[in-house]
Amino acid sequence: MLPVNNSTFTHAVLLLTGMPGHKSDYLWIGIPLLLVYIILILGNSLILFIIKTDSNLHEPMYIFLSMLAVIDLGLSIATMPTILGVFLFNSREISINACFAQLFFIHFSQFTESTVLLFMAFDRFVAISNPLRYTSILTIPRTMKLGLVCVLRGFTIILPLPLLLKRYRYCQYNFLSHSYCLHQEVMKLACSDFTVSSIYGLSASLSTLGLDSILIFFSYVIILKTVLNLASRVDSVKALKTCGSHLCIVVLFYSPEISLSLIHRYMNSSSHLLQIILGYINMLVPPLMNPIVYSVQSTHLRGRLIRIFVK
């Protein structure tokens, strides 16, 4: 720590925290976390390999799925060093610049994934509401352009966050309550006025996660109305099945986010352990479950997986 004056310090490093009160159990927590990381990295890598090598899967739905897999791999690579470092090696220190980089990639991945989920809802909406024009509306080049929009949207919205944080001075203490860096936590360590950063962070969340979740909800309302108007019950069930995987992933992605927001707003500090657990669920469960959910729901994808492991 480098002193600035009698009451202000600029920290060269920040200290991460694992599970308060469970330090003796860190090894037993770290080993399952390591296994989760191995499974999710292998699972998402396998999904990417199958979609790339099978020309029958070069469709908008599977291209969006491959985007999700890339995002989940990026999020895992961003969080794995610090989370496993804390639990397996008791390595708690992280430099302030590394912390800024980590929080950028974490929030960038989350916001980009939210945009991809929104476009996947649009994909299902077009497939059910206007199936005859589906291939002409969502062509492969247009789908790739939508993927580029997801990246640019996430990058432009998140980039100001670490830049704003870098302008502040940090004092009093340098302890984070998680084993990874988040914008809200690092911002509260500043002894400068962080009103601008706080307002921008809230606006960024509302304009991405908040807006996307509302648009996805309304798209499914329209999809449900369209499905209920189908004459054949068999057609209705088939149409709903095509949305099953995406709906499961949407619930897995947004549920921890909404729960964390409600806990921060309406519950007191005694729920800190619950916040930490929900944080790990938010970081690990969606990347772990995305390939599993689609592998179970998609007959073609499941068949390719079976052919890989069973000759």
C-alpha atoms as a PDB file:
ATOM      1  CA  MET A   1       0.000   0.000   0.000  1.00  0.00           C
ATOM      2  CA  LEU A   2       1.334   3.432  -0.972  1.00  0.00           C
ATOM      3  CA  PRO A   3       0.430   6.338   1.324  1.00  0.00           C
ATOM      4  CA  VAL A   4      -1.123   9.432  -0.226  1.00  0.00           C
ATOM      5  CA  ASN A   5      -1.788  11.420   2.977  1.00  0.00           C
ATOM      6  CA  ASN A   6      -2.609  10.736   6.620  1.00  0.00           C
ATOM      7  CA  SER A   7      -6.020   9.193   5.914  1.00  0.00           C
ATOM      8  CA  THR A   8      -5.894   8.056   2.293  1.00  0.00           C
ATOM      9  CA  PHE A   9      -4.123   5.065   0.759  1.00  0.00           C
ATOM     10  CA  THR A  10      -3.801   3.674  -2.730  1.00  0.00           C
ATOM     11  CA  HIS A  11      -3.675  -0.106  -2.525  1.00  0.00           C
ATOM     12  CA  ALA A  12      -1.265  -2.014  -4.716  1.00  0.00           C
ATOM     13  CA  VAL A  13      -3.190  -5.202  -3.931  1.00  0.00           C
ATOM     14  CA  LEU A  14      -6.677  -6.212  -2.830  1.00  0.00           C
ATOM     15  CA  LEU A  15      -7.471  -9.206  -0.616  1.00  0.00           C
ATOM     16  CA  LEU A  16     -10.036 -11.756  -1.762  1.00  0.00           C
ATOM     17  CA  THR A  17     -12.300 -13.743   0.558  1.00  0.00           C
ATOM     18  CA  GLY A  18     -13.616 -17.284   0.171  1.00  0.00           C
ATOM     19  CA  MET A  19     -16.233 -18.581   2.613  1.00  0.00           C
ATOM     20  CA  PRO A  20     -16.102 -16.641   5.909  1.00  0.00           C
ATOM     21  CA  GLY A  21     -16.063 -18.996   8.886  1.00  0.00           C
ATOM     22  CA  HIS A  22     -15.233 -22.072   6.790  1.00  0.00           C
ATOM     23  CA  LYS A  23     -11.494 -21.644   6.232  1.00  0.00           C
ATOM     24  CA  SER A  24     -10.745 -25.160   7.542  1.00  0.00           C
ATOM     25  CA  ASP A  25     -13.010 -26.566   4.814  1.00  0.00           C
ATOM     26  CA  TYR A  26     -11.418 -24.686   1.911  1.00  0.00           C
ATOM     27  CA  LEU A  27      -9.773 -27.788   0.435  1.00  0.00           C
ATOM     28  CA  TRP A  28     -13.064 -29.715   0.483  1.00  0.00           C
ATOM     29  CA  ILE A  29     -14.788 -26.760  -1.178  1.00  0.00           C
ATOM     30  CA  GLY A  30     -11.978 -26.216  -3.692  1.00  0.00           C
ATOM     31  CA  ILE A  31     -11.872 -29.804  -5.023  1.00  0.00           C
ATOM     32  CA  PRO A  32     -15.571 -29.834  -6.124  1.00  0.00           C
ATOM     33  CA  LEU A  33     -15.085 -26.370  -7.626  1.00  0.00           C
ATOM     34  CA  LEU A  34     -12.099 -27.679  -9.595  1.00  0.00           C
ATOM     35  CA  LEU A  35     -14.207 -30.580 -10.892  1.00  0.00           C
ATOM     36  CA  VAL A  36     -16.997 -28.168 -11.887  1.00  0.00           C
ATOM     37  CA  TYR A  37     -14.510 -26.059 -13.853  1.00  0.00           C
ATOM     38  CA  ILE A  38     -13.086 -29.129 -15.608  1.00  0.00           C
ATOM     39  CA  ILE A  39     -16.571 -30.349 -16.567  1.00  0.00           C
ATOM     40  CA  LEU A  40     -17.821 -26.991 -17.821  1.00  0.00           C
ATOM     41  CA  ILE A  41     -14.654 -26.322 -19.844  1.00  0.00           C
ATOM     42  CA  LEU A  42     -14.768 -29.780 -21.436  1.00  0.00           C
ATOM     43  CA  GLY A  43     -18.529 -29.558 -22.014  1.00  0.00           C
ATOM     44  CA  ASN A  44     -18.476 -26.162 -23.707  1.00  0.00           C
ATOM     45  CA  SER A  45     -15.372 -27.062 -25.735  1.00  0.00           C
ATOM     46  CA  LEU A  46     -17.081 -30.246 -26.932  1.00  0.00           C
ATOM     47  CA  ILE A  47     -20.196 -28.305 -27.954  1.00  0.00           C
ATOM     48  CA  LEU A  48     -18.026 -25.912 -29.971  1.00  0.00           C
ATOM     49  CA  PHE A  49     -16.196 -28.800 -31.639  1.00  0.00           C
ATOM     50  CA  ILE A  50     -19.417 -30.592 -32.617  1.00  0.00           C
ATOM     51  CA  ILE A  51     -21.105 -27.467 -34.005  1.00  0.00           C
ATOM     52  CA  LYS A  52     -17.982 -26.524 -35.983  1.00  0.00           C
ATOM     53  CA  THR A  53     -17.454 -29.982 -37.523  1.00  0.00           C
ATOM     54  CA  ASP A  54     -21.096 -30.901 -38.251  1.00  0.00           C
ATOM     55  CA  SER A  55     -22.493 -28.932 -41.191  1.00  0.00           C
ATOM     56  CA  ASN A  56     -26.038 -29.981 -40.259  1.00  0.00           C
ATOM     57  CA  LEU A  57     -25.693 -27.848 -37.111  1.00  0.00           C
ATOM     58  CA  HIS A  58     -24.780 -24.681 -39.003  1.00  0.00           C
ATOM     59  CA  GLU A  59     -28.144 -23.143 -38.181  1.00  0.00           C
ATOM     60  CA  PRO A  60     -28.997 -19.925 -36.250  1.00  0.00           C
ATOM     61  CA  MET A  61     -30.005 -21.752 -33.062  1.00  0.00           C
ATOM     62  CA  TYR A  62     -26.729 -23.709 -32.872  1.00  0.00           C
ATOM     63  CA  ILE A  63     -24.642 -20.680 -33.864  1.00  0.00           C
ATOM     64  CA  PHE A  64     -26.156 -18.807 -30.929  1.00  0.00           C
ATOM     65  CA  LEU A  65     -25.404 -21.840 -28.745  1.00  0.00           C
ATOM     66  CA  SER A  66     -21.767 -21.759 -29.856  1.00  0.00           C
ATOM     67  CA  MET A  67     -21.677 -18.050 -28.894  1.00  0.00           C
ATOM     68  CA  LEU A  68     -22.928 -18.995 -25.433  1.00  0.00           C
ATOM     69  CA  ALA A  69     -20.220 -21.646 -25.172  1.00  0.00           C
ATOM     70  CA  VAL A  70     -17.479 -19.127 -26.064  1.00  0.00           C
ATOM     71  CA  ILE A  71     -18.837 -16.623 -23.521  1.00  0.00           C
ATOM     72  CA  ASP A  72     -19.043 -19.285 -20.802  1.00  0.00           C
ATOM     73  CA  LEU A  73     -15.464 -20.369 -21.494  1.00  0.00           C
ATOM     74  CA  GLY A  74     -14.328 -16.761 -21.261  1.00  0.00           C
ATOM     75  CA  LEU A  75     -16.160 -16.254 -17.962  1.00  0.00           C
ATOM     76  CA  SER A  76     -14.638 -19.453 -16.560  1.00  0.00           C
ATOM     77  CA  ILE A  77     -11.116 -18.450 -17.568  1.00  0.00           C
ATOM     78  CA  ALA A  78     -11.645 -15.035 -15.956  1.00  0.00           C
ATOM     79  CA  THR A  79     -12.836 -16.372 -12.575  1.00  0.00           C
ATOM     80  CA  MET A  80     -11.005 -19.712 -12.260  1.00  0.00           C
ATOM     81  CA  PRO A  81      -7.527 -18.403 -11.207  1.00  0.00           C
ATOM     82  CA  THR A  82      -8.782 -16.393  -8.242  1.00  0.00           C
ATOM     83  CA  ILE A  83     -11.536 -18.761  -7.055  1.00  0.00           C
ATOM     84  CA  LEU A  84      -9.333 -21.858  -7.137  1.00  0.00           C
ATOM     85  CA  GLY A  85      -6.374 -19.827  -5.869  1.00  0.00           C
ATOM     86  CA  VAL A  86      -8.275 -18.854  -2.722  1.00  0.00           C
ATOM     87  CA  PHE A  87      -9.694 -22.308  -1.938  1.00  0.00           C
ATOM     88  CA  LEU A  88      -6.823 -24.562  -3.020  1.00  0.00           C
ATOM     89  CA  PHE A  89      -3.725 -22.435  -2.408  1.00  0.00           C
ATOM     90  CA  ASN A  90      -4.924 -19.754   0.037  1.00  0.00           C
ATOM     91  CA  SER A  91      -3.750 -17.152  -2.480  1.00  0.00           C
ATOM     92  CA  ARG A  92      -5.823 -14.107  -1.598  1.00  0.00           C
ATOM     93  CA  GLU A  93      -3.913 -11.208  -3.127  1.00  0.00           C
ATOM     94  CA  ILE A  94      -4.827  -9.644  -6.457  1.00  0.00           C
ATOM     95  CA  SER A  95      -3.332  -6.482  -7.891  1.00  0.00           C
ATOM     96  CA  ILE A  96      -5.651  -3.546  -8.414  1.00  0.00           C
ATOM     97  CA  ASN A  97      -5.134  -3.579 -12.203  1.00  0.00           C
ATOM     98  CA  ALA A  98      -5.741  -7.337 -12.401  1.00  0.00           C
ATOM     99  CA  CYS A  99      -8.919  -6.775 -10.394  1.00  0.00           C
ATOM    100  CA  PHE A 100     -10.094  -4.129 -12.864  1.00  0.00           C
ATOM    101  CA  ALA A 101      -9.393  -6.518 -15.751  1.00  0.00           C
ATOM    102  CA  GLN A 102     -11.250  -9.368 -14.063  1.00  0.00           C
ATOM    103  CA  LEU A 103     -14.356  -7.331 -13.279  1.00  0.00           C
ATOM    104  CA  PHE A 104     -14.376  -6.079 -16.876  1.00  0.00           C
ATOM    105  CA  PHE A 105     -14.384  -9.631 -18.293  1.00  0.00           C
ATOM    106  CA  ILE A 106     -16.945 -10.867 -15.743  1.00  0.00           C
ATOM    107  CA  HIS A 107     -19.461  -8.101 -16.461  1.00  0.00           C
ATOM    108  CA  PHE A 108     -18.682  -8.142 -20.180  1.00  0.00           C
ATOM    109  CA  SER A 109     -19.446 -11.886 -20.292  1.00  0.00           C
ATOM    110  CA  GLN A 110     -22.689 -11.478 -18.338  1.00  0.00           C
ATOM    111  CA  PHE A 111     -23.976  -8.577 -20.406  1.00  0.00           C
ATOM    112  CA  THR A 112     -22.996 -10.240 -23.690  1.00  0.00           C
ATOM    113  CA  GLU A 113     -24.665 -13.502 -22.663  1.00  0.00           C
ATOM    114  CA  SER A 114     -27.835 -11.585 -21.807  1.00  0.00           C
ATOM    115  CA  THR A 115     -27.867 -10.131 -25.337  1.00  0.00           C
ATOM    116  CA  VAL A 116     -27.311 -13.569 -26.882  1.00  0.00           C
ATOM    117  CA  LEU A 117     -30.235 -14.966 -24.853  1.00  0.00           C
ATOM    118  CA  LEU A 118     -32.398 -12.111 -26.151  1.00  0.00           C
ATOM    119  CA  PHE A 119     -31.481 -12.912 -29.762  1.00  0.00           C
ATOM    120  CA  MET A 120     -32.139 -16.609 -29.103  1.00  0.00           C
ATOM    121  CA  ALA A 121     -35.632 -15.643 -27.921  1.00  0.00           C
ATOM    122  CA  PHE A 122     -36.053 -13.702 -31.168  1.00  0.00           C
ATOM    123  CA  ASP A 123     -34.870 -16.798 -33.063  1.00  0.00           C
ATOM    124  CA  ARG A 124     -37.546 -18.949 -31.384  1.00  0.00           C
ATOM    125  CA  PHE A 125     -40.164 -16.239 -31.940  1.00  0.00           C
ATOM    126  CA  VAL A 126     -39.478 -16.146 -35.694  1.00  0.00           C
ATOM    127  CA  ALA A 127     -39.315 -19.958 -35.940  1.00  0.00           C
ATOM    128  CA  ILE A 128     -42.761 -20.362 -34.351  1.00  0.00           C
ATOM    129  CA  SER A 129     -44.587 -17.235 -35.508  1.00  0.00           C
ATOM    130  CA  ASN A 130     -43.330 -17.218 -39.105  1.00  0.00           C
ATOM    131  CA  PRO A 131     -41.786 -20.622 -39.886  1.00  0.00           C
ATOM    132  CA  LEU A 132     -42.051 -20.259 -43.676  1.00  0.00           C
ATOM    133  CA  ARG A 133     -39.824 -17.173 -43.683  1.00  0.00           C
ATOM    134  CA  TYR A 134     -37.506 -18.350 -40.896  1.00  0.00           C
ATOM    135  CA  THR A 135     -34.548 -19.229 -43.148  1.00  0.00           C
ATOM    136  CA  SER A 136     -34.897 -15.997 -45.138  1.00  0.00           C
ATOM    137  CA  ILE A 137     -35.119 -13.788 -42.025  1.00  0.00           C
ATOM    138  CA  LEU A 138     -32.359 -15.430 -39.966  1.00  0.00           C
ATOM    139  CA  THR A 139     -29.679 -16.265 -42.513  1.00  0.00           C
ATOM    140  CA  ILE A 140     -26.217 -17.378 -41.408  1.00  0.00           C
ATOM    141  CA  PRO A 141     -24.534 -14.042 -42.304  1.00  0.00           C
ATOM    142  CA  ARG A 142     -27.264 -12.131 -40.465  1.00  0.00           C
ATOM    143  CA  THR A 143     -26.858 -14.376 -37.431  1.00  0.00           C
ATOM    144  CA  MET A 144     -23.114 -13.718 -37.403  1.00  0.00           C
ATOM    145  CA  LYS A 145     -23.800  -9.971 -37.537  1.00  0.00           C
ATOM    146  CA  LEU A 146     -26.107 -10.328 -34.532  1.00  0.00           C
ATOM    147  CA  GLY A 147     -23.263 -12.060 -32.715  1.00  0.00           C
ATOM    148  CA  LEU A 148     -21.012  -9.093 -33.495  1.00  0.00           C
ATOM    149  CA  VAL A 149     -23.714  -6.770 -32.131  1.00  0.00           C
ATOM    150  CA  CYS A 150     -23.702  -8.781 -28.871  1.00  0.00           C
ATOM    151  CA  VAL A 151     -19.936  -8.306 -28.482  1.00  0.00           C
ATOM    152  CA  LEU A 152     -19.941  -4.604 -29.378  1.00  0.00           C
ATOM    153  CA  ARG A 153     -22.877  -3.895 -27.080  1.00  0.00           C
ATOM    154  CA  GLY A 154     -21.227  -5.596 -24.117  1.00  0.00           C
ATOM    155  CA  PHE A 155     -17.840  -3.983 -24.798  1.00  0.00           C
ATOM    156  CA  THR A 156     -19.096  -0.415 -25.181  1.00  0.00           C
ATOM    157  CA  ILE A 157     -21.329  -0.600 -22.092  1.00  0.00           C
ATOM    158  CA  ILE A 158     -18.762  -2.228 -19.784  1.00  0.00           C
ATOM    159  CA  LEU A 159     -15.574  -0.425 -20.844  1.00  0.00           C
ATOM    160  CA  PRO A 160     -16.333   2.785 -18.855  1.00  0.00           C
ATOM    161  CA  LEU A 161     -16.677   0.813 -15.582  1.00  0.00           C
ATOM    162  CA  PRO A 162     -12.963  -0.030 -15.022  1.00  0.00           C
ATOM    163  CA  LEU A 163     -11.938   3.324 -16.491  1.00  0.00           C
ATOM    164  CA  LEU A 164     -14.073   5.141 -13.912  1.00  0.00           C
ATOM    165  CA  LEU A 165     -12.763   2.950 -11.082  1.00  0.00           C
ATOM    166  CA  LYS A 166      -9.173   3.598 -12.118  1.00  0.00           C
ATOM    167  CA  ARG A 167      -9.634   7.329 -11.486  1.00  0.00           C
ATOM    168  CA  TYR A 168     -10.489   6.839  -7.794  1.00  0.00           C
ATOM    169  CA  ARG A 169      -8.286   6.621  -4.725  1.00  0.00           C
ATOM    170  CA  TYR A 170      -8.810   3.685  -2.386  1.00  0.00           C
ATOM    171  CA  CYS A 171      -8.472   3.909   1.372  1.00  0.00           C
ATOM    172  CA  GLN A 172      -9.430   2.530   4.807  1.00  0.00           C
ATOM    173  CA  TYR A 173      -9.404  -1.186   3.914  1.00  0.00           C
ATOM    174  CA  ASN A 174      -8.788  -3.391   0.897  1.00  0.00           C
ATOM    175  CA  PHE A 175     -10.856  -6.522   1.636  1.00  0.00           C
ATOM    176  CA  LEU A 176     -13.307  -7.904  -0.921  1.00  0.00           C
ATOM    177  CA  SER A 177     -16.105 -10.173   0.264  1.00  0.00           C
ATOM    178  CA  HIS A 178     -15.808 -12.566  -2.724  1.00  0.00           C
ATOM    179  CA  SER A 179     -13.007 -14.551  -4.331  1.00  0.00           C
ATOM    180  CA  TYR A 180     -13.392 -12.529  -7.531  1.00  0.00           C
ATOM    181  CA  CYS A 181     -13.792  -8.825  -8.365  1.00  0.00           C
ATOM    182  CA  LEU A 182     -17.118  -7.129  -9.071  1.00  0.00           C
ATOM    183  CA  HIS A 183     -17.756  -3.507  -9.930  1.00  0.00           C
ATOM    184  CA  GLN A 184     -20.084  -2.804  -6.982  1.00  0.00           C
ATOM    185  CA  GLU A 185     -17.593  -4.102  -4.404  1.00  0.00           C
ATOM    186  CA  VAL A 186     -14.457  -2.449  -5.745  1.00  0.00           C
ATOM    187  CA  MET A 187     -16.348   0.830  -6.141  1.00  0.00           C
ATOM    188  CA  LYS A 188     -17.286   0.852  -2.436  1.00  0.00           C
ATOM    189  CA  LEU A 189     -13.605   0.665  -1.452  1.00  0.00           C
ATOM    190  CA  ALA A 190     -12.986   4.103  -2.960  1.00  0.00           C
ATOM    191  CA  CYS A 191     -12.652   7.098  -0.680  1.00  0.00           C
ATOM    192  CA  SER A 192     -13.445   9.405  -3.603  1.00  0.00           C
ATOM    193  CA  ASP A 193     -16.981  10.323  -4.582  1.00  0.00           C
ATOM    194  CA  PHE A 194     -18.141   7.376  -6.721  1.00  0.00           C
ATOM    195  CA  THR A 195     -21.647   8.682  -7.494  1.00  0.00           C
ATOM    196  CA  VAL A 196     -20.988   8.767 -11.258  1.00  0.00           C
ATOM    197  CA  SER A 197     -19.708   5.180 -11.267  1.00  0.00           C
ATOM    198  CA  SER A 198     -22.664   4.014  -9.161  1.00  0.00           C
ATOM    199  CA  ILE A 199     -25.233   5.675 -11.414  1.00  0.00           C
ATOM    200  CA  TYR A 200     -23.536   4.403 -14.565  1.00  0.00           C
ATOM    201  CA  GLY A 201     -23.300   0.843 -13.190  1.00  0.00           C
ATOM    202  CA  LEU A 202     -27.001   0.828 -12.290  1.00  0.00           C
ATOM    203  CA  SER A 203     -27.951   2.291 -15.676  1.00  0.00           C
ATOM    204  CA  ALA A 204     -25.814  -0.305 -17.481  1.00  0.00           C
ATOM    205  CA  SER A 205     -27.497  -3.170 -15.589  1.00  0.00           C
ATOM    206  CA  LEU A 206     -31.005  -1.831 -16.197  1.00  0.00           C
ATOM    207  CA  SER A 207     -30.364  -1.194 -19.905  1.00  0.00           C
ATOM    208  CA  THR A 208     -28.989  -4.691 -20.486  1.00  0.00           C
ATOM    209  CA  LEU A 209     -29.987  -7.333 -17.945  1.00  0.00           C
ATOM    210  CA  GLY A 210     -33.195  -5.539 -16.980  1.00  0.00           C
ATOM    211  CA  LEU A 211     -34.326  -4.607 -20.485  1.00  0.00           C
ATOM    212  CA  ASP A 212     -33.309  -7.964 -21.994  1.00  0.00           C
ATOM    213  CA  SER A 213     -35.230  -9.968 -19.367  1.00  0.00           C
ATOM    214  CA  ILE A 214     -38.374  -7.888 -20.001  1.00  0.00           C
ATOM    215  CA  LEU A 215     -38.103  -8.309 -23.783  1.00  0.00           C
ATOM    216  CA  ILE A 216     -37.532 -12.068 -23.397  1.00  0.00           C
ATOM    217  CA  PHE A 217     -40.620 -12.288 -21.168  1.00  0.00           C
ATOM    218  CA  PHE A 218     -42.812 -10.478 -23.711  1.00  0.00           C
ATOM    219  CA  SER A 219     -41.435 -12.595 -26.559  1.00  0.00           C
ATOM    220  CA  TYR A 220     -42.509 -15.739 -24.717  1.00  0.00           C
ATOM    221  CA  VAL A 221     -45.947 -14.256 -24.053  1.00  0.00           C
ATOM    222  CA  ILE A 222     -46.360 -13.809 -27.814  1.00  0.00           C
ATOM    223  CA  ILE A 223     -44.903 -17.278 -28.486  1.00  0.00           C
ATOM    224  CA  LEU A 224     -47.356 -18.828 -26.012  1.00  0.00           C
ATOM    225  CA  LYS A 225     -50.311 -17.050 -27.640  1.00  0.00           C
ATOM    226  CA  THR A 226     -49.154 -18.276 -31.057  1.00  0.00           C
ATOM    227  CA  VAL A 227     -48.753 -21.849 -29.835  1.00  0.00           C
ATOM    228  CA  LEU A 228     -52.190 -21.887 -28.183  1.00  0.00           C
ATOM    229  CA  ASN A 229     -53.763 -20.778 -31.463  1.00  0.00           C
ATOM    230  CA  LEU A 230     -52.365 -23.782 -33.319  1.00  0.00           C
ATOM    231  CA  ALA A 231     -55.097 -26.175 -34.380  1.00  0.00           C
ATOM    232  CA  SER A 232     -53.205 -29.386 -33.630  1.00  0.00           C
ATOM    233  CA  ARG A 233     -52.200 -30.223 -30.068  1.00  0.00           C
ATOM    234  CA  VAL A 234     -49.254 -32.238 -31.410  1.00  0.00           C
ATOM    235  CA  ASP A 235     -47.983 -29.163 -33.268  1.00  0.00           C
ATOM    236  CA  SER A 236     -48.366 -27.100 -30.088  1.00  0.00           C
ATOM    237  CA  VAL A 237     -46.284 -29.561 -28.061  1.00  0.00           C
ATOM    238  CA  LYS A 238     -43.594 -29.696 -30.753  1.00  0.00           C
ATOM    239  CA  ALA A 239     -43.433 -25.912 -30.894  1.00  0.00           C
ATOM    240  CA  LEU A 240     -43.081 -25.618 -27.122  1.00  0.00           C
ATOM    241  CA  LYS A 241     -40.355 -28.285 -27.087  1.00  0.00           C
ATOM    242  CA  THR A 242     -38.212 -26.162 -29.386  1.00  0.00           C
ATOM    243  CA  CYS A 243     -38.287 -23.433 -26.710  1.00  0.00           C
ATOM    244  CA  GLY A 244     -37.615 -25.731 -23.751  1.00  0.00           C
ATOM    245  CA  SER A 245     -33.820 -25.535 -23.804  1.00  0.00           C
ATOM    246  CA  HIS A 246     -33.702 -21.782 -24.197  1.00  0.00           C
ATOM    247  CA  LEU A 247     -36.284 -21.238 -21.450  1.00  0.00           C
ATOM    248  CA  CYS A 248     -34.279 -23.414 -19.034  1.00  0.00           C
ATOM    249  CA  ILE A 249     -31.091 -21.439 -19.754  1.00  0.00           C
ATOM    250  CA  VAL A 250     -32.923 -18.118 -19.314  1.00  0.00           C
ATOM    251  CA  VAL A 251     -34.201 -19.236 -15.894  1.00  0.00           C
ATOM    252  CA  LEU A 252     -30.727 -20.453 -14.853  1.00  0.00           C
ATOM    253  CA  PHE A 253     -29.133 -17.181 -15.950  1.00  0.00           C
ATOM    254  CA  TYR A 254     -31.563 -14.597 -14.583  1.00  0.00           C
ATOM    255  CA  SER A 255     -32.732 -16.294 -11.354  1.00  0.00           C
ATOM    256  CA  PRO A 256     -29.453 -15.806  -9.394  1.00  0.00           C
ATOM    257  CA  GLU A 257     -29.153 -12.228 -10.720  1.00  0.00           C
ATOM    258  CA  ILE A 258     -32.669 -11.308  -9.584  1.00  0.00           C
ATOM    259  CA  SER A 259     -32.214 -13.101  -6.243  1.00  0.00           C
ATOM    260  CA  LEU A 260     -28.950 -11.253  -5.544  1.00  0.00           C
ATOM    261  CA  SER A 261     -30.600  -7.905  -6.357  1.00  0.00           C
ATOM    262  CA  LEU A 262     -33.487  -8.619  -3.987  1.00  0.00           C
ATOM    263  CA  ILE A 263     -31.147  -9.737  -1.189  1.00  0.00           C
ATOM    264  CA  HIS A 264     -28.979  -6.624  -1.535  1.00  0.00           C
ATOM    265  CA  ARG A 265     -32.052  -4.406  -1.404  1.00  0.00           C
ATOM    266  CA  TYR A 266     -34.328  -6.014   1.182  1.00  0.00           C
ATOM    267  CA  MET A 267     -32.209  -8.260   3.439  1.00  0.00           C
ATOM    268  CA  ASN A 268     -29.694  -7.272   6.106  1.00  0.00           C
ATOM    269  CA  SER A 269     -26.023  -8.162   6.482  1.00  0.00           C
ATOM    270  CA  SER A 270     -26.848 -11.514   8.110  1.00  0.00           C
ATOM    271  CA  SER A 271     -27.531 -12.841   4.588  1.00  0.00           C
ATOM    272  CA  HIS A 272     -23.894 -12.332   3.525  1.00  0.00           C
ATOM    273  CA  LEU A 273     -23.189 -16.074   3.263  1.00  0.00           C
ATOM    274  CA  LEU A 274     -26.294 -16.487   1.117  1.00  0.00           C
ATOM    275  CA  GLN A 275     -25.031 -13.703  -1.153  1.00  0.00           C
ATOM    276  CA  ILE A 276     -21.690 -15.485  -1.539  1.00  0.00           C
ATOM    277  CA  ILE A 277     -23.352 -18.821  -2.366  1.00  0.00           C
ATOM    278  CA  LEU A 278     -25.670 -17.184  -4.902  1.00  0.00           C
ATOM    279  CA  GLY A 279     -22.641 -15.451  -6.394  1.00  0.00           C
ATOM    280  CA  TYR A 280     -20.925 -18.793  -7.008  1.00  0.00           C
ATOM    281  CA  ILE A 281     -24.155 -20.212  -8.436  1.00  0.00           C
ATOM    282  CA  ASN A 282     -24.350 -17.210 -10.751  1.00  0.00           C
ATOM    283  CA  MET A 283     -20.762 -17.707 -11.938  1.00  0.00           C
ATOM    284  CA  LEU A 284     -20.698 -21.496 -12.278  1.00  0.00           C
ATOM    285  CA  VAL A 285     -24.162 -22.986 -12.811  1.00  0.00           C
ATOM    286  CA  PRO A 286     -25.148 -21.371 -16.155  1.00  0.00           C
ATOM    287  CA  PRO A 287     -21.799 -22.228 -17.867  1.00  0.00           C
ATOM    288  CA  LEU A 288     -22.036 -25.754 -16.454  1.00  0.00           C
ATOM    289  CA  MET A 289     -25.674 -26.371 -17.384  1.00  0.00           C
ATOM    290  CA  ASN A 290     -25.893 -24.698 -20.815  1.00  0.00           C
ATOM    291  CA  PRO A 291     -24.211 -27.555 -22.755  1.00  0.00           C
ATOM    292  CA  ILE A 292     -25.998 -30.181 -20.647  1.00  0.00           C
ATOM    293  CA  VAL A 293     -29.463 -28.693 -21.225  1.00  0.00           C
ATOM    294  CA  TYR A 294     -29.012 -28.386 -24.986  1.00  0.00           C
ATOM    295  CA  SER A 295     -27.423 -31.834 -25.252  1.00  0.00           C
ATOM    296  CA  VAL A 296     -30.457 -33.377 -23.531  1.00  0.00           C
ATOM    297  CA  GLN A 297     -33.059 -31.383 -25.479  1.00  0.00           C
ATOM    298  CA  SER A 298     -31.531 -31.458 -28.985  1.00  0.00           C
ATOM    299  CA  THR A 299     -31.851 -34.852 -30.672  1.00  0.00           C
ATOM    300  CA  HIS A 300     -29.224 -34.067 -33.321  1.00  0.00           C
ATOM    301  CA  LEU A 301     -26.708 -32.728 -30.824  1.00  0.00           C
ATOM    302  CA  ARG A 302     -27.312 -35.637 -28.473  1.00  0.00           C
ATOM    303  CA  GLY A 303     -26.826 -38.085 -31.327  1.00  0.00           C
ATOM    304  CA  ARG A 304     -23.484 -36.521 -32.252  1.00  0.00           C
ATOM    305  CA  LEU A 305     -22.329 -36.706 -28.636  1.00  0.00           C
ATOM    306  CA  ILE A 306     -23.288 -40.373 -28.427  1.00  0.00           C
ATOM    307  CA  ARG A 307     -21.410 -41.145 -31.650  1.00  0.00           C
ATOM    308  CA  ILE A 308     -18.290 -39.496 -30.235  1.00  0.00           C
ATOM    309  CA  PHE A 309     -18.206 -41.655 -27.101  1.00  0.00           C
ATOM    310  CA  VAL A 310     -19.873 -44.835 -28.394  1.00  0.00           C
ATOM    311  CA  LYS A 311     -18.608 -46.372 -31.622  1.00  0.00           C
END
